[in-house]
Amino acid sequence: MSKQMPPPEYNTPTGPYGGGYPSANYGPQPQGNYGQYPPPADTHHVVLSSQPQPMTNTIVVQSPVIRPSSYLILAIFTTICCNLVFGIIAIIFSVMSSSSADNGDLEGARSKGKISMILSIVGIVITVLIIVFIIIYFTVIVSSLYPSLYDTYG
């Protein structure tokens, strides 16, 4: 029969935290200053070193760029309901305004959008004036020329 040997004894650390894993023995430690600065050879010059500090991050918050209005809906309304000529020209300026905004020219987009809005409003006003003129023409002038057409007691 072979004689069994007892297991090796472990050196458990006796620090403030109690026991733990056994300490590993990796052999003799190498000589030298690994990972450290060598001691100064001259005692008159002292080298101070410190650990690098974490980098601070600067966060820049930019307000979102507000895209100027191109007034495309107003231009389409003017084209369909009121005035075809002013409406088409207003649509062209509205598309040019959107294109300028896409290219980053916000001032150009703002000015072309304003031109589109003005053309749409002018087209609407001209159409309203024409309608008012037609109503006045038929009620006043035509009724005075042909009184028998509008005579209800005749």
N, C-alpha and C. Protein backbone atom coordinates (compact mmCIF):
# COMPACT_ATOMS: atom_id res chain seq x y z
N MET A 1 0.79 -1.17 0.00
CA MET A 1 0.00 0.00 0.00
C MET A 1 0.84 1.24 0.00
N SER A 2 0.33 2.18 -0.70
CA SER A 2 1.11 3.41 -0.73
C SER A 2 0.59 4.35 0.35
N LYS A 3 1.48 5.06 0.84
CA LYS A 3 1.16 5.97 1.93
C LYS A 3 0.65 7.28 1.33
N GLN A 4 -0.52 7.71 1.80
CA GLN A 4 -1.08 8.96 1.29
C GLN A 4 -0.48 10.12 2.05
N MET A 5 -0.21 11.15 1.25
CA MET A 5 0.38 12.34 1.87
C MET A 5 -0.74 13.33 2.17
N PRO A 6 -0.63 14.03 3.27
CA PRO A 6 -1.66 15.02 3.58
C PRO A 6 -1.59 16.18 2.59
N PRO A 7 -2.70 16.88 2.41
CA PRO A 7 -2.68 18.03 1.49
C PRO A 7 -1.77 19.12 2.02
N PRO A 8 -1.22 19.94 1.12
CA PRO A 8 -0.32 20.99 1.58
C PRO A 8 -1.10 22.03 2.38
N GLU A 9 -0.39 22.67 3.28
CA GLU A 9 -1.03 23.68 4.09
C GLU A 9 -1.11 24.99 3.31
N TYR A 10 -2.18 25.68 3.55
CA TYR A 10 -2.38 26.96 2.88
C TYR A 10 -2.15 28.07 3.89
N ASN A 11 -1.54 29.13 3.40
CA ASN A 11 -1.36 30.31 4.24
C ASN A 11 -2.53 31.24 3.97
N THR A 12 -3.45 31.31 4.85
CA THR A 12 -4.60 32.20 4.67
C THR A 12 -4.24 33.57 5.20
N PRO A 13 -4.60 34.62 4.46
CA PRO A 13 -4.28 35.96 4.94
C PRO A 13 -5.09 36.27 6.19
N THR A 14 -4.48 37.00 7.03
CA THR A 14 -5.13 37.36 8.29
C THR A 14 -5.30 38.87 8.38
N GLY A 15 -5.75 39.48 7.31
CA GLY A 15 -5.94 40.93 7.30
C GLY A 15 -7.26 41.30 7.92
N PRO A 16 -7.65 42.56 7.77
CA PRO A 16 -8.90 43.03 8.38
C PRO A 16 -10.14 42.42 7.73
N TYR A 17 -10.01 41.85 6.54
CA TYR A 17 -11.15 41.30 5.82
C TYR A 17 -11.26 39.80 6.01
N GLY A 18 -10.45 39.21 6.79
CA GLY A 18 -10.54 37.79 7.05
C GLY A 18 -9.78 36.98 6.02
N GLY A 19 -10.17 35.74 5.89
CA GLY A 19 -9.46 34.82 4.99
C GLY A 19 -9.83 35.06 3.56
N GLY A 20 -9.21 34.31 2.68
CA GLY A 20 -9.47 34.45 1.27
C GLY A 20 -8.80 33.32 0.52
N TYR A 21 -8.48 33.56 -0.69
CA TYR A 21 -7.79 32.56 -1.48
C TYR A 21 -6.36 32.43 -0.99
N PRO A 22 -5.79 31.27 -1.18
CA PRO A 22 -4.40 31.11 -0.77
C PRO A 22 -3.50 31.97 -1.64
N SER A 23 -2.42 32.44 -1.09
CA SER A 23 -1.51 33.27 -1.85
C SER A 23 -0.72 32.39 -2.80
N ALA A 24 -0.54 32.88 -3.99
CA ALA A 24 0.20 32.12 -4.99
C ALA A 24 1.67 32.46 -4.88
N ASN A 25 2.50 31.48 -5.12
CA ASN A 25 3.94 31.68 -5.07
C ASN A 25 4.46 31.55 -6.49
N TYR A 26 4.83 32.66 -7.06
CA TYR A 26 5.29 32.65 -8.44
C TYR A 26 6.80 32.74 -8.54
N GLY A 27 7.48 32.57 -7.54
CA GLY A 27 8.93 32.62 -7.57
C GLY A 27 9.44 33.98 -7.18
N PRO A 28 10.73 34.19 -7.32
CA PRO A 28 11.32 35.46 -6.90
C PRO A 28 10.87 36.60 -7.80
N GLN A 29 10.69 37.77 -7.21
CA GLN A 29 10.30 38.95 -7.94
C GLN A 29 11.50 39.49 -8.71
N PRO A 30 11.29 39.98 -9.94
CA PRO A 30 12.43 40.52 -10.71
C PRO A 30 12.93 41.81 -10.07
N GLN A 31 14.18 42.07 -10.28
CA GLN A 31 14.81 43.26 -9.74
C GLN A 31 14.63 44.42 -10.71
N GLY A 32 14.57 45.61 -10.20
CA GLY A 32 14.46 46.80 -11.05
C GLY A 32 13.19 47.57 -10.75
N ASN A 33 13.07 48.72 -11.39
CA ASN A 33 11.93 49.60 -11.19
C ASN A 33 10.99 49.46 -12.39
N TYR A 34 10.22 48.44 -12.41
CA TYR A 34 9.32 48.21 -13.52
C TYR A 34 8.08 49.08 -13.36
N GLY A 35 7.78 49.87 -14.39
CA GLY A 35 6.61 50.72 -14.37
C GLY A 35 6.77 51.96 -13.52
N GLN A 36 7.95 52.26 -13.04
CA GLN A 36 8.17 53.44 -12.23
C GLN A 36 9.35 54.19 -12.80
N TYR A 37 9.43 55.46 -12.40
CA TYR A 37 10.58 56.25 -12.82
C TYR A 37 11.78 55.85 -11.98
N PRO A 38 12.96 55.82 -12.57
CA PRO A 38 14.15 55.50 -11.77
C PRO A 38 14.43 56.61 -10.77
N PRO A 39 15.04 56.30 -9.68
CA PRO A 39 15.35 57.34 -8.70
C PRO A 39 16.32 58.34 -9.30
N PRO A 40 16.18 59.61 -8.91
CA PRO A 40 17.06 60.62 -9.50
C PRO A 40 18.51 60.38 -9.09
N ALA A 41 19.40 60.55 -10.08
CA ALA A 41 20.83 60.37 -9.82
C ALA A 41 21.39 61.62 -9.17
N ASP A 42 20.86 62.75 -9.51
CA ASP A 42 21.32 64.02 -8.97
C ASP A 42 20.34 64.45 -7.88
N THR A 43 20.82 64.75 -6.73
CA THR A 43 19.94 65.11 -5.63
C THR A 43 19.48 66.55 -5.69
N HIS A 44 20.05 67.36 -6.59
CA HIS A 44 19.64 68.76 -6.70
C HIS A 44 18.39 68.93 -7.56
N HIS A 45 18.11 67.99 -8.43
CA HIS A 45 16.93 68.08 -9.29
C HIS A 45 15.91 67.05 -8.82
N VAL A 46 14.74 67.53 -8.54
CA VAL A 46 13.68 66.65 -8.08
C VAL A 46 12.63 66.56 -9.19
N VAL A 47 12.27 65.35 -9.54
CA VAL A 47 11.27 65.13 -10.58
C VAL A 47 9.98 64.72 -9.88
N LEU A 48 8.94 65.50 -10.12
CA LEU A 48 7.63 65.18 -9.57
C LEU A 48 6.78 64.57 -10.68
N SER A 49 6.11 63.53 -10.38
CA SER A 49 5.24 62.92 -11.37
C SER A 49 3.90 62.65 -10.72
N SER A 50 2.88 62.66 -11.52
CA SER A 50 1.54 62.37 -11.02
C SER A 50 0.81 61.55 -12.06
N GLN A 51 -0.24 60.94 -11.63
CA GLN A 51 -1.04 60.16 -12.56
C GLN A 51 -1.84 61.12 -13.43
N PRO A 52 -2.06 60.71 -14.67
CA PRO A 52 -2.87 61.59 -15.54
C PRO A 52 -4.30 61.67 -15.03
N GLN A 53 -4.83 62.86 -15.07
CA GLN A 53 -6.19 63.10 -14.61
C GLN A 53 -7.16 62.74 -15.74
N PRO A 54 -8.37 62.34 -15.40
CA PRO A 54 -9.34 62.04 -16.45
C PRO A 54 -9.68 63.31 -17.23
N MET A 55 -9.91 63.11 -18.52
CA MET A 55 -10.22 64.25 -19.38
C MET A 55 -11.63 64.76 -19.07
N THR A 56 -11.77 66.05 -19.08
CA THR A 56 -13.09 66.63 -18.88
C THR A 56 -13.76 66.78 -20.23
N ASN A 57 -15.01 66.47 -20.28
CA ASN A 57 -15.77 66.58 -21.52
C ASN A 57 -16.55 67.89 -21.51
N THR A 58 -16.48 68.59 -22.61
CA THR A 58 -17.24 69.82 -22.77
C THR A 58 -18.40 69.51 -23.71
N ILE A 59 -19.59 69.75 -23.25
CA ILE A 59 -20.76 69.48 -24.07
C ILE A 59 -21.29 70.82 -24.58
N VAL A 60 -21.39 70.92 -25.90
CA VAL A 60 -21.91 72.13 -26.53
C VAL A 60 -23.33 71.83 -27.00
N VAL A 61 -24.27 72.56 -26.49
CA VAL A 61 -25.67 72.38 -26.87
C VAL A 61 -26.03 73.49 -27.85
N GLN A 62 -26.35 73.09 -29.05
CA GLN A 62 -26.73 74.07 -30.07
C GLN A 62 -28.25 74.05 -30.20
N SER A 63 -28.80 75.23 -30.33
CA SER A 63 -30.23 75.29 -30.56
C SER A 63 -30.51 74.84 -31.99
N PRO A 64 -31.59 74.13 -32.19
CA PRO A 64 -31.87 73.65 -33.54
C PRO A 64 -32.14 74.82 -34.48
N VAL A 65 -31.67 74.67 -35.70
CA VAL A 65 -31.86 75.71 -36.70
C VAL A 65 -33.30 75.64 -37.18
N ILE A 66 -33.99 76.75 -37.08
CA ILE A 66 -35.39 76.80 -37.50
C ILE A 66 -35.43 77.08 -38.99
N ARG A 67 -36.04 76.15 -39.70
CA ARG A 67 -36.13 76.27 -41.16
C ARG A 67 -37.21 77.29 -41.49
N PRO A 68 -36.87 78.28 -42.33
CA PRO A 68 -37.88 79.29 -42.67
C PRO A 68 -38.99 78.68 -43.53
N SER A 69 -40.17 79.24 -43.40
CA SER A 69 -41.32 78.73 -44.13
C SER A 69 -41.21 79.08 -45.60
N SER A 70 -41.64 78.13 -46.45
CA SER A 70 -41.60 78.38 -47.89
C SER A 70 -42.97 78.80 -48.42
N TYR A 71 -44.02 78.71 -47.61
CA TYR A 71 -45.38 79.09 -47.96
C TYR A 71 -45.90 78.33 -49.18
N LEU A 72 -45.54 77.05 -49.26
CA LEU A 72 -45.97 76.24 -50.40
C LEU A 72 -47.48 76.00 -50.39
N ILE A 73 -48.05 75.76 -49.22
CA ILE A 73 -49.49 75.51 -49.14
C ILE A 73 -50.28 76.73 -49.61
N LEU A 74 -49.85 77.91 -49.19
CA LEU A 74 -50.52 79.13 -49.62
C LEU A 74 -50.40 79.32 -51.13
N ALA A 75 -49.24 79.00 -51.68
CA ALA A 75 -49.04 79.14 -53.13
C ALA A 75 -49.92 78.15 -53.89
N ILE A 76 -50.04 76.93 -53.38
CA ILE A 76 -50.91 75.95 -54.05
C ILE A 76 -52.37 76.39 -53.96
N PHE A 77 -52.78 76.90 -52.80
CA PHE A 77 -54.15 77.40 -52.66
C PHE A 77 -54.42 78.53 -53.64
N THR A 78 -53.46 79.44 -53.77
CA THR A 78 -53.63 80.56 -54.70
C THR A 78 -53.75 80.06 -56.14
N THR A 79 -52.95 79.05 -56.48
CA THR A 79 -52.99 78.51 -57.84
C THR A 79 -54.34 77.85 -58.14
N ILE A 80 -54.82 77.05 -57.22
CA ILE A 80 -56.03 76.27 -57.48
C ILE A 80 -57.28 77.14 -57.35
N CYS A 81 -57.37 77.95 -56.32
CA CYS A 81 -58.62 78.64 -56.02
C CYS A 81 -58.70 80.07 -56.55
N CYS A 82 -57.59 80.72 -56.73
CA CYS A 82 -57.68 82.16 -56.99
C CYS A 82 -57.09 82.57 -58.33
N ASN A 83 -55.78 82.56 -58.41
CA ASN A 83 -55.11 83.19 -59.54
C ASN A 83 -54.01 82.26 -60.04
N LEU A 84 -54.19 81.76 -61.23
CA LEU A 84 -53.26 80.78 -61.78
C LEU A 84 -51.87 81.37 -62.03
N VAL A 85 -51.81 82.57 -62.55
CA VAL A 85 -50.52 83.18 -62.90
C VAL A 85 -49.69 83.46 -61.65
N PHE A 86 -50.26 84.19 -60.70
CA PHE A 86 -49.52 84.51 -59.47
C PHE A 86 -49.24 83.24 -58.65
N GLY A 87 -50.15 82.28 -58.69
CA GLY A 87 -49.97 81.05 -57.95
C GLY A 87 -48.80 80.23 -58.45
N ILE A 88 -48.65 80.11 -59.78
CA ILE A 88 -47.53 79.34 -60.34
C ILE A 88 -46.20 80.01 -60.02
N ILE A 89 -46.16 81.33 -60.15
CA ILE A 89 -44.92 82.05 -59.82
C ILE A 89 -44.61 81.90 -58.33
N ALA A 90 -45.63 81.92 -57.48
CA ALA A 90 -45.43 81.73 -56.04
C ALA A 90 -44.92 80.32 -55.74
N ILE A 91 -45.42 79.31 -56.45
CA ILE A 91 -44.93 77.94 -56.26
C ILE A 91 -43.46 77.84 -56.65
N ILE A 92 -43.07 78.51 -57.73
CA ILE A 92 -41.66 78.48 -58.16
C ILE A 92 -40.77 79.10 -57.08
N PHE A 93 -41.17 80.22 -56.53
CA PHE A 93 -40.37 80.85 -55.47
C PHE A 93 -40.37 79.99 -54.20
N SER A 94 -41.46 79.31 -53.93
CA SER A 94 -41.52 78.44 -52.76
C SER A 94 -40.56 77.27 -52.89
N VAL A 95 -40.49 76.68 -54.06
CA VAL A 95 -39.55 75.57 -54.30
C VAL A 95 -38.11 76.08 -54.23
N MET A 96 -37.87 77.27 -54.76
CA MET A 96 -36.52 77.85 -54.66
C MET A 96 -36.15 78.11 -53.20
N SER A 97 -37.13 78.50 -52.38
CA SER A 97 -36.89 78.72 -50.95
C SER A 97 -36.51 77.41 -50.26
N SER A 98 -37.22 76.34 -50.56
CA SER A 98 -36.89 75.04 -49.97
C SER A 98 -35.51 74.56 -50.40
N SER A 99 -35.17 74.80 -51.65
CA SER A 99 -33.85 74.41 -52.14
C SER A 99 -32.73 75.19 -51.46
N SER A 100 -32.95 76.47 -51.25
CA SER A 100 -31.95 77.28 -50.55
C SER A 100 -31.78 76.83 -49.10
N ALA A 101 -32.89 76.47 -48.46
CA ALA A 101 -32.81 75.98 -47.08
C ALA A 101 -32.06 74.65 -47.02
N ASP A 102 -32.26 73.79 -48.01
CA ASP A 102 -31.53 72.52 -48.05
C ASP A 102 -30.04 72.73 -48.24
N ASN A 103 -29.66 73.77 -48.95
CA ASN A 103 -28.24 74.06 -49.18
C ASN A 103 -27.61 74.83 -48.03
N GLY A 104 -28.40 75.20 -47.03
CA GLY A 104 -27.86 75.89 -45.87
C GLY A 104 -27.94 77.41 -45.95
N ASP A 105 -28.47 77.94 -47.03
CA ASP A 105 -28.61 79.39 -47.18
C ASP A 105 -29.95 79.81 -46.58
N LEU A 106 -29.97 80.00 -45.27
CA LEU A 106 -31.23 80.30 -44.60
C LEU A 106 -31.74 81.70 -44.90
N GLU A 107 -30.83 82.65 -45.10
CA GLU A 107 -31.26 84.02 -45.41
C GLU A 107 -31.89 84.06 -46.81
N GLY A 108 -31.30 83.38 -47.77
CA GLY A 108 -31.89 83.30 -49.11
C GLY A 108 -33.22 82.58 -49.10
N ALA A 109 -33.31 81.52 -48.29
CA ALA A 109 -34.58 80.79 -48.18
C ALA A 109 -35.66 81.67 -47.58
N ARG A 110 -35.28 82.47 -46.58
CA ARG A 110 -36.25 83.35 -45.95
C ARG A 110 -36.75 84.41 -46.93
N SER A 111 -35.84 84.99 -47.72
CA SER A 111 -36.26 86.04 -48.66
C SER A 111 -37.11 85.46 -49.80
N LYS A 112 -36.78 84.28 -50.30
CA LYS A 112 -37.59 83.69 -51.38
C LYS A 112 -38.94 83.23 -50.85
N GLY A 113 -38.99 82.76 -49.62
CA GLY A 113 -40.27 82.40 -49.02
C GLY A 113 -41.16 83.62 -48.84
N LYS A 114 -40.54 84.74 -48.47
CA LYS A 114 -41.32 85.98 -48.32
C LYS A 114 -41.86 86.44 -49.67
N ILE A 115 -41.05 86.30 -50.73
CA ILE A 115 -41.54 86.67 -52.08
C ILE A 115 -42.71 85.77 -52.47
N SER A 116 -42.61 84.47 -52.15
CA SER A 116 -43.71 83.54 -52.45
C SER A 116 -44.98 83.93 -51.71
N MET A 117 -44.84 84.32 -50.45
CA MET A 117 -46.00 84.72 -49.67
C MET A 117 -46.62 86.00 -50.25
N ILE A 118 -45.79 86.97 -50.63
CA ILE A 118 -46.30 88.23 -51.17
C ILE A 118 -47.03 87.99 -52.49
N LEU A 119 -46.44 87.14 -53.35
CA LEU A 119 -47.10 86.84 -54.63
C LEU A 119 -48.44 86.14 -54.41
N SER A 120 -48.49 85.24 -53.44
CA SER A 120 -49.75 84.55 -53.15
C SER A 120 -50.81 85.53 -52.66
N ILE A 121 -50.42 86.42 -51.76
CA ILE A 121 -51.37 87.39 -51.23
C ILE A 121 -51.83 88.35 -52.32
N VAL A 122 -50.91 88.79 -53.18
CA VAL A 122 -51.29 89.68 -54.28
C VAL A 122 -52.26 88.98 -55.22
N GLY A 123 -52.00 87.69 -55.51
CA GLY A 123 -52.92 86.93 -56.36
C GLY A 123 -54.29 86.80 -55.74
N ILE A 124 -54.36 86.57 -54.44
CA ILE A 124 -55.66 86.46 -53.76
C ILE A 124 -56.39 87.80 -53.77
N VAL A 125 -55.66 88.88 -53.49
CA VAL A 125 -56.28 90.22 -53.45
C VAL A 125 -56.78 90.61 -54.84
N ILE A 126 -55.99 90.35 -55.87
CA ILE A 126 -56.44 90.69 -57.24
C ILE A 126 -57.68 89.90 -57.60
N THR A 127 -57.73 88.62 -57.23
CA THR A 127 -58.91 87.81 -57.53
C THR A 127 -60.14 88.32 -56.78
N VAL A 128 -59.97 88.68 -55.53
CA VAL A 128 -61.10 89.22 -54.75
C VAL A 128 -61.57 90.54 -55.36
N LEU A 129 -60.63 91.41 -55.76
CA LEU A 129 -61.03 92.68 -56.39
C LEU A 129 -61.75 92.45 -57.71
N ILE A 130 -61.32 91.48 -58.48
CA ILE A 130 -62.00 91.17 -59.74
C ILE A 130 -63.42 90.68 -59.48
N ILE A 131 -63.58 89.82 -58.47
CA ILE A 131 -64.91 89.31 -58.15
C ILE A 131 -65.82 90.45 -57.67
N VAL A 132 -65.29 91.33 -56.83
CA VAL A 132 -66.08 92.48 -56.36
C VAL A 132 -66.44 93.38 -57.53
N PHE A 133 -65.52 93.61 -58.43
CA PHE A 133 -65.80 94.44 -59.61
C PHE A 133 -66.88 93.81 -60.48
N ILE A 134 -66.81 92.49 -60.67
CA ILE A 134 -67.83 91.82 -61.49
C ILE A 134 -69.20 91.92 -60.84
N ILE A 135 -69.27 91.75 -59.54
CA ILE A 135 -70.56 91.86 -58.83
C ILE A 135 -71.12 93.27 -58.95
N ILE A 136 -70.26 94.27 -58.77
CA ILE A 136 -70.72 95.66 -58.89
C ILE A 136 -71.13 95.95 -60.33
N TYR A 137 -70.40 95.47 -61.28
CA TYR A 137 -70.71 95.71 -62.69
C TYR A 137 -72.08 95.18 -63.04
N PHE A 138 -72.34 93.93 -62.63
CA PHE A 138 -73.63 93.35 -62.99
C PHE A 138 -74.79 93.94 -62.19
N THR A 139 -74.59 94.36 -61.01
CA THR A 139 -75.71 94.90 -60.23
C THR A 139 -75.99 96.36 -60.53
N VAL A 140 -74.97 97.14 -60.84
CA VAL A 140 -75.19 98.56 -61.05
C VAL A 140 -75.30 98.90 -62.53
N ILE A 141 -74.31 98.57 -63.30
CA ILE A 141 -74.25 99.03 -64.69
C ILE A 141 -75.24 98.29 -65.58
N VAL A 142 -75.25 96.98 -65.47
CA VAL A 142 -76.14 96.22 -66.34
C VAL A 142 -77.60 96.49 -65.97
N SER A 143 -77.87 96.64 -64.69
CA SER A 143 -79.26 96.93 -64.28
C SER A 143 -79.71 98.30 -64.78
N SER A 144 -78.79 99.25 -64.90
CA SER A 144 -79.18 100.56 -65.41
C SER A 144 -79.35 100.54 -66.93
N LEU A 145 -78.64 99.66 -67.61
CA LEU A 145 -78.78 99.58 -69.06
C LEU A 145 -80.03 98.80 -69.47
N TYR A 146 -80.33 97.78 -68.75
CA TYR A 146 -81.47 96.94 -69.06
C TYR A 146 -82.39 96.85 -67.85
N PRO A 147 -83.17 97.84 -67.62
CA PRO A 147 -84.03 97.83 -66.41
C PRO A 147 -85.12 96.75 -66.50
N SER A 148 -85.49 96.36 -67.66
CA SER A 148 -86.55 95.35 -67.77
C SER A 148 -86.07 93.98 -67.32
N LEU A 149 -84.77 93.72 -67.37
CA LEU A 149 -84.24 92.41 -66.93
C LEU A 149 -84.37 92.23 -65.42
N TYR A 150 -84.26 93.33 -64.71
CA TYR A 150 -84.25 93.25 -63.26
C TYR A 150 -85.55 93.80 -62.65
N ASP A 151 -86.52 94.08 -63.44
CA ASP A 151 -87.77 94.63 -62.93
C ASP A 151 -88.63 93.47 -62.43
N THR A 152 -88.87 93.45 -61.16
CA THR A 152 -89.63 92.36 -60.57
C THR A 152 -91.13 92.62 -60.61
N TYR A 153 -91.54 93.87 -60.84
CA TYR A 153 -92.97 94.19 -60.83
C TYR A 153 -93.57 94.25 -62.22
N GLY A 154 -92.80 94.02 -63.29
CA GLY A 154 -93.09 94.20 -64.64
C GLY A 154 -94.21 93.70 -65.31
